[in-house]
Amino acid sequence: MSGRATGSVARSEAENAASRQALDAALHAAGVAFWPGVGGEPEGGPGRWRDEVHRLALGLTAGAALSWGRRFRQNAVLHVRRGEAVRLLDCRAAPSAPDADDAVEPR
Protein backbone atom coordinates (compact mmCIF):
# COMPACT_ATOMS: atom_id res chain seq x y z
CA MET A 1 0.00 0.00 0.00
CA SER A 2 1.28 3.49 -0.65
CA GLY A 3 0.13 7.06 -0.56
CA ARG A 4 1.77 7.98 -3.84
CA ALA A 5 -0.09 9.25 -6.90
CA THR A 6 -3.45 8.99 -5.23
CA GLY A 7 -6.14 8.17 -7.77
CA SER A 8 -3.38 7.87 -10.42
CA VAL A 9 -2.81 11.63 -10.29
CA ALA A 10 0.88 12.55 -10.34
CA ARG A 11 1.94 14.58 -7.32
CA SER A 12 5.13 16.25 -6.21
CA GLU A 13 7.68 14.32 -4.17
CA ALA A 14 6.83 16.56 -1.18
CA GLU A 15 3.12 15.66 -1.46
CA ASN A 16 3.98 11.97 -1.80
CA ALA A 17 6.28 12.14 1.23
CA ALA A 18 3.57 13.84 3.32
CA SER A 19 1.04 11.19 2.33
CA ARG A 20 3.53 8.41 3.12
CA GLN A 21 4.16 9.94 6.56
CA ALA A 22 0.41 10.14 7.19
CA LEU A 23 0.06 6.47 6.18
CA ASP A 24 2.91 5.46 8.49
CA ALA A 25 1.39 7.41 11.40
CA ALA A 26 -2.08 5.92 10.81
CA LEU A 27 -0.76 2.35 10.57
CA HIS A 28 1.30 2.86 13.72
CA ALA A 29 -1.66 4.38 15.61
CA ALA A 30 -3.84 1.41 14.59
CA GLY A 31 -1.20 -1.04 15.81
CA VAL A 32 -0.58 -2.47 12.35
CA ALA A 33 2.87 -4.00 11.89
CA PHE A 34 4.41 -2.92 8.58
CA TRP A 35 7.67 -2.83 6.65
CA PRO A 36 8.79 -0.31 4.06
CA GLY A 37 9.50 -1.49 0.55
CA VAL A 38 10.12 -0.24 -2.96
CA GLY A 39 8.47 -1.67 -6.04
CA GLY A 40 8.85 -0.78 -9.64
CA GLU A 41 9.04 -1.91 -13.18
CA PRO A 42 11.04 -5.07 -13.87
CA GLU A 43 14.50 -4.59 -15.30
CA GLY A 44 14.28 -4.29 -19.06
CA GLY A 45 10.70 -2.96 -18.92
CA PRO A 46 9.53 -0.06 -21.08
CA GLY A 47 10.58 2.49 -18.43
CA ARG A 48 7.20 4.12 -17.89
CA TRP A 49 6.98 3.56 -14.11
CA ARG A 50 9.18 5.08 -11.47
CA ASP A 51 9.99 3.08 -8.37
CA GLU A 52 7.30 3.49 -5.75
CA VAL A 53 7.80 3.41 -2.00
CA HIS A 54 5.13 1.31 -0.37
CA ARG A 55 4.25 -0.39 2.90
CA LEU A 56 3.76 -4.09 3.50
CA ALA A 57 1.11 -4.17 6.24
CA LEU A 58 0.68 -7.44 8.10
CA GLY A 59 -2.44 -8.98 9.57
CA LEU A 60 -5.02 -7.22 7.41
CA THR A 61 -7.99 -9.02 5.97
CA ALA A 62 -8.93 -8.24 2.37
CA GLY A 63 -11.71 -5.95 3.58
CA ALA A 64 -9.38 -4.05 5.89
CA ALA A 65 -6.78 -3.72 3.12
CA LEU A 66 -9.46 -2.24 0.86
CA SER A 67 -10.50 0.20 3.59
CA TRP A 68 -6.92 1.37 4.04
CA GLY A 69 -6.46 1.69 0.28
CA ARG A 70 -9.62 3.76 -0.04
CA ARG A 71 -8.63 5.97 2.87
CA PHE A 72 -5.37 6.79 1.10
CA ARG A 73 -7.09 7.10 -2.30
CA GLN A 74 -5.37 4.17 -3.97
CA ASN A 75 -6.88 2.58 -7.07
CA ALA A 76 -5.88 -0.89 -5.89
CA VAL A 77 -3.96 -2.79 -3.23
CA LEU A 78 -2.33 -6.19 -3.22
CA HIS A 79 -3.49 -8.76 -0.67
CA VAL A 80 -2.08 -12.17 0.12
CA ARG A 81 -2.74 -14.87 2.67
CA ARG A 82 -0.12 -17.43 3.60
CA GLY A 83 -0.18 -20.28 1.10
CA GLU A 84 -2.35 -18.42 -1.43
CA ALA A 85 -1.71 -16.40 -4.57
CA VAL A 86 -1.49 -12.61 -4.38
CA ARG A 87 -4.74 -10.84 -5.30
CA LEU A 88 -5.16 -7.37 -6.75
CA LEU A 89 -8.07 -5.67 -4.97
CA ASP A 90 -9.87 -2.79 -6.72
CA CYS A 91 -10.34 0.05 -4.22
CA ARG A 92 -12.60 1.87 -6.70
CA ALA A 93 -15.27 -0.85 -6.59
CA ALA A 94 -18.31 -0.18 -4.41
CA PRO A 95 -17.70 -1.38 -0.86
CA SER A 96 -19.56 -4.54 0.11
CA ALA A 97 -20.90 -5.38 3.54
CA PRO A 98 -17.98 -5.77 5.96
CA ASP A 99 -16.93 -9.27 6.87
CA ALA A 100 -16.99 -10.30 10.50
CA ASP A 101 -13.23 -10.89 10.34
CA ASP A 102 -12.35 -7.47 8.89
CA ALA A 103 -9.86 -6.63 11.59
CA VAL A 104 -7.66 -3.57 11.87
CA GLU A 105 -9.80 -1.06 10.01
CA PRO A 106 -8.34 2.46 9.74
CA ARG A 107 -9.30 4.87 12.49
C-alpha atoms as a PDB file:
ATOM      1  CA  MET A   1       0.000   0.000   0.000  1.00  0.00           C
ATOM      2  CA  SER A   2       1.282   3.488  -0.650  1.00  0.00           C
ATOM      3  CA  GLY A   3       0.127   7.058  -0.557  1.00  0.00           C
ATOM      4  CA  ARG A   4       1.772   7.978  -3.840  1.00  0.00           C
ATOM      5  CA  ALA A   5      -0.087   9.247  -6.902  1.00  0.00           C
ATOM      6  CA  THR A   6      -3.454   8.987  -5.226  1.00  0.00           C
ATOM      7  CA  GLY A   7      -6.141   8.169  -7.774  1.00  0.00           C
ATOM      8  CA  SER A   8      -3.380   7.872 -10.417  1.00  0.00           C
ATOM      9  CA  VAL A   9      -2.810  11.627 -10.287  1.00  0.00           C
ATOM     10  CA  ALA A  10       0.879  12.547 -10.337  1.00  0.00           C
ATOM     11  CA  ARG A  11       1.936  14.580  -7.323  1.00  0.00           C
ATOM     12  CA  SER A  12       5.133  16.251  -6.206  1.00  0.00           C
ATOM     13  CA  GLU A  13       7.677  14.318  -4.166  1.00  0.00           C
ATOM     14  CA  ALA A  14       6.829  16.562  -1.184  1.00  0.00           C
ATOM     15  CA  GLU A  15       3.120  15.655  -1.462  1.00  0.00           C
ATOM     16  CA  ASN A  16       3.979  11.968  -1.800  1.00  0.00           C
ATOM     17  CA  ALA A  17       6.278  12.141   1.232  1.00  0.00           C
ATOM     18  CA  ALA A  18       3.575  13.845   3.316  1.00  0.00           C
ATOM     19  CA  SER A  19       1.045  11.192   2.327  1.00  0.00           C
ATOM     20  CA  ARG A  20       3.527   8.412   3.119  1.00  0.00           C
ATOM     21  CA  GLN A  21       4.161   9.942   6.561  1.00  0.00           C
ATOM     22  CA  ALA A  22       0.406  10.137   7.185  1.00  0.00           C
ATOM     23  CA  LEU A  23       0.059   6.469   6.175  1.00  0.00           C
ATOM     24  CA  ASP A  24       2.911   5.463   8.494  1.00  0.00           C
ATOM     25  CA  ALA A  25       1.391   7.409  11.395  1.00  0.00           C
ATOM     26  CA  ALA A  26      -2.075   5.923  10.809  1.00  0.00           C
ATOM     27  CA  LEU A  27      -0.758   2.354  10.565  1.00  0.00           C
ATOM     28  CA  HIS A  28       1.301   2.865  13.719  1.00  0.00           C
ATOM     29  CA  ALA A  29      -1.663   4.381  15.608  1.00  0.00           C
ATOM     30  CA  ALA A  30      -3.837   1.411  14.594  1.00  0.00           C
ATOM     31  CA  GLY A  31      -1.203  -1.036  15.812  1.00  0.00           C
ATOM     32  CA  VAL A  32      -0.579  -2.474  12.346  1.00  0.00           C
ATOM     33  CA  ALA A  33       2.870  -3.995  11.886  1.00  0.00           C
ATOM     34  CA  PHE A  34       4.412  -2.919   8.578  1.00  0.00           C
ATOM     35  CA  TRP A  35       7.666  -2.828   6.653  1.00  0.00           C
ATOM     36  CA  PRO A  36       8.789  -0.313   4.062  1.00  0.00           C
ATOM     37  CA  GLY A  37       9.505  -1.492   0.551  1.00  0.00           C
ATOM     38  CA  VAL A  38      10.123  -0.240  -2.956  1.00  0.00           C
ATOM     39  CA  GLY A  39       8.471  -1.670  -6.039  1.00  0.00           C
ATOM     40  CA  GLY A  40       8.846  -0.778  -9.640  1.00  0.00           C
ATOM     41  CA  GLU A  41       9.042  -1.914 -13.182  1.00  0.00           C
ATOM     42  CA  PRO A  42      11.036  -5.069 -13.870  1.00  0.00           C
ATOM     43  CA  GLU A  43      14.500  -4.587 -15.295  1.00  0.00           C
ATOM     44  CA  GLY A  44      14.278  -4.293 -19.061  1.00  0.00           C
ATOM     45  CA  GLY A  45      10.695  -2.961 -18.919  1.00  0.00           C
ATOM     46  CA  PRO A  46       9.529  -0.063 -21.079  1.00  0.00           C
ATOM     47  CA  GLY A  47      10.582   2.487 -18.430  1.00  0.00           C
ATOM     48  CA  ARG A  48       7.199   4.123 -17.887  1.00  0.00           C
ATOM     49  CA  TRP A  49       6.980   3.558 -14.113  1.00  0.00           C
ATOM     50  CA  ARG A  50       9.183   5.081 -11.466  1.00  0.00           C
ATOM     51  CA  ASP A  51       9.995   3.082  -8.371  1.00  0.00           C
ATOM     52  CA  GLU A  52       7.297   3.493  -5.746  1.00  0.00           C
ATOM     53  CA  VAL A  53       7.804   3.408  -2.002  1.00  0.00           C
ATOM     54  CA  HIS A  54       5.133   1.306  -0.366  1.00  0.00           C
ATOM     55  CA  ARG A  55       4.247  -0.387   2.900  1.00  0.00           C
ATOM     56  CA  LEU A  56       3.757  -4.094   3.498  1.00  0.00           C
ATOM     57  CA  ALA A  57       1.110  -4.167   6.239  1.00  0.00           C
ATOM     58  CA  LEU A  58       0.685  -7.438   8.099  1.00  0.00           C
ATOM     59  CA  GLY A  59      -2.443  -8.981   9.568  1.00  0.00           C
ATOM     60  CA  LEU A  60      -5.019  -7.216   7.412  1.00  0.00           C
ATOM     61  CA  THR A  61      -7.993  -9.019   5.967  1.00  0.00           C
ATOM     62  CA  ALA A  62      -8.926  -8.244   2.366  1.00  0.00           C
ATOM     63  CA  GLY A  63     -11.708  -5.951   3.584  1.00  0.00           C
ATOM     64  CA  ALA A  64      -9.379  -4.050   5.887  1.00  0.00           C
ATOM     65  CA  ALA A  65      -6.775  -3.719   3.120  1.00  0.00           C
ATOM     66  CA  LEU A  66      -9.460  -2.242   0.860  1.00  0.00           C
ATOM     67  CA  SER A  67     -10.496   0.200   3.590  1.00  0.00           C
ATOM     68  CA  TRP A  68      -6.917   1.370   4.044  1.00  0.00           C
ATOM     69  CA  GLY A  69      -6.458   1.691   0.277  1.00  0.00           C
ATOM     70  CA  ARG A  70      -9.623   3.759  -0.041  1.00  0.00           C
ATOM     71  CA  ARG A  71      -8.633   5.974   2.868  1.00  0.00           C
ATOM     72  CA  PHE A  72      -5.372   6.790   1.101  1.00  0.00           C
ATOM     73  CA  ARG A  73      -7.090   7.100  -2.301  1.00  0.00           C
ATOM     74  CA  GLN A  74      -5.366   4.172  -3.968  1.00  0.00           C
ATOM     75  CA  ASN A  75      -6.878   2.581  -7.065  1.00  0.00           C
ATOM     76  CA  ALA A  76      -5.882  -0.889  -5.885  1.00  0.00           C
ATOM     77  CA  VAL A  77      -3.960  -2.787  -3.227  1.00  0.00           C
ATOM     78  CA  LEU A  78      -2.329  -6.193  -3.223  1.00  0.00           C
ATOM     79  CA  HIS A  79      -3.492  -8.755  -0.666  1.00  0.00           C
ATOM     80  CA  VAL A  80      -2.080 -12.173   0.123  1.00  0.00           C
ATOM     81  CA  ARG A  81      -2.744 -14.870   2.674  1.00  0.00           C
ATOM     82  CA  ARG A  82      -0.123 -17.430   3.601  1.00  0.00           C
ATOM     83  CA  GLY A  83      -0.181 -20.277   1.096  1.00  0.00           C
ATOM     84  CA  GLU A  84      -2.349 -18.419  -1.435  1.00  0.00           C
ATOM     85  CA  ALA A  85      -1.706 -16.396  -4.571  1.00  0.00           C
ATOM     86  CA  VAL A  86      -1.487 -12.613  -4.381  1.00  0.00           C
ATOM     87  CA  ARG A  87      -4.743 -10.845  -5.296  1.00  0.00           C
ATOM     88  CA  LEU A  88      -5.164  -7.374  -6.752  1.00  0.00           C
ATOM     89  CA  LEU A  89      -8.074  -5.672  -4.967  1.00  0.00           C
ATOM     90  CA  ASP A  90      -9.869  -2.788  -6.717  1.00  0.00           C
ATOM     91  CA  CYS A  91     -10.336   0.049  -4.220  1.00  0.00           C
ATOM     92  CA  ARG A  92     -12.595   1.867  -6.700  1.00  0.00           C
ATOM     93  CA  ALA A  93     -15.273  -0.848  -6.589  1.00  0.00           C
ATOM     94  CA  ALA A  94     -18.306  -0.181  -4.409  1.00  0.00           C
ATOM     95  CA  PRO A  95     -17.697  -1.382  -0.856  1.00  0.00           C
ATOM     96  CA  SER A  96     -19.557  -4.544   0.113  1.00  0.00           C
ATOM     97  CA  ALA A  97     -20.901  -5.382   3.544  1.00  0.00           C
ATOM     98  CA  PRO A  98     -17.984  -5.769   5.957  1.00  0.00           C
ATOM     99  CA  ASP A  99     -16.930  -9.274   6.867  1.00  0.00           C
ATOM    100  CA  ALA A 100     -16.990 -10.297  10.504  1.00  0.00           C
ATOM    101  CA  ASP A 101     -13.227 -10.885  10.341  1.00  0.00           C
ATOM    102  CA  ASP A 102     -12.351  -7.474   8.889  1.00  0.00           C
ATOM    103  CA  ALA A 103      -9.861  -6.630  11.592  1.00  0.00           C
ATOM    104  CA  VAL A 104      -7.664  -3.566  11.866  1.00  0.00           C
ATOM    105  CA  GLU A 105      -9.800  -1.061  10.015  1.00  0.00           C
ATOM    106  CA  PRO A 106      -8.344   2.456   9.742  1.00  0.00           C
ATOM    107  CA  ARG A 107      -9.297   4.873  12.489  1.00  0.00           C
END
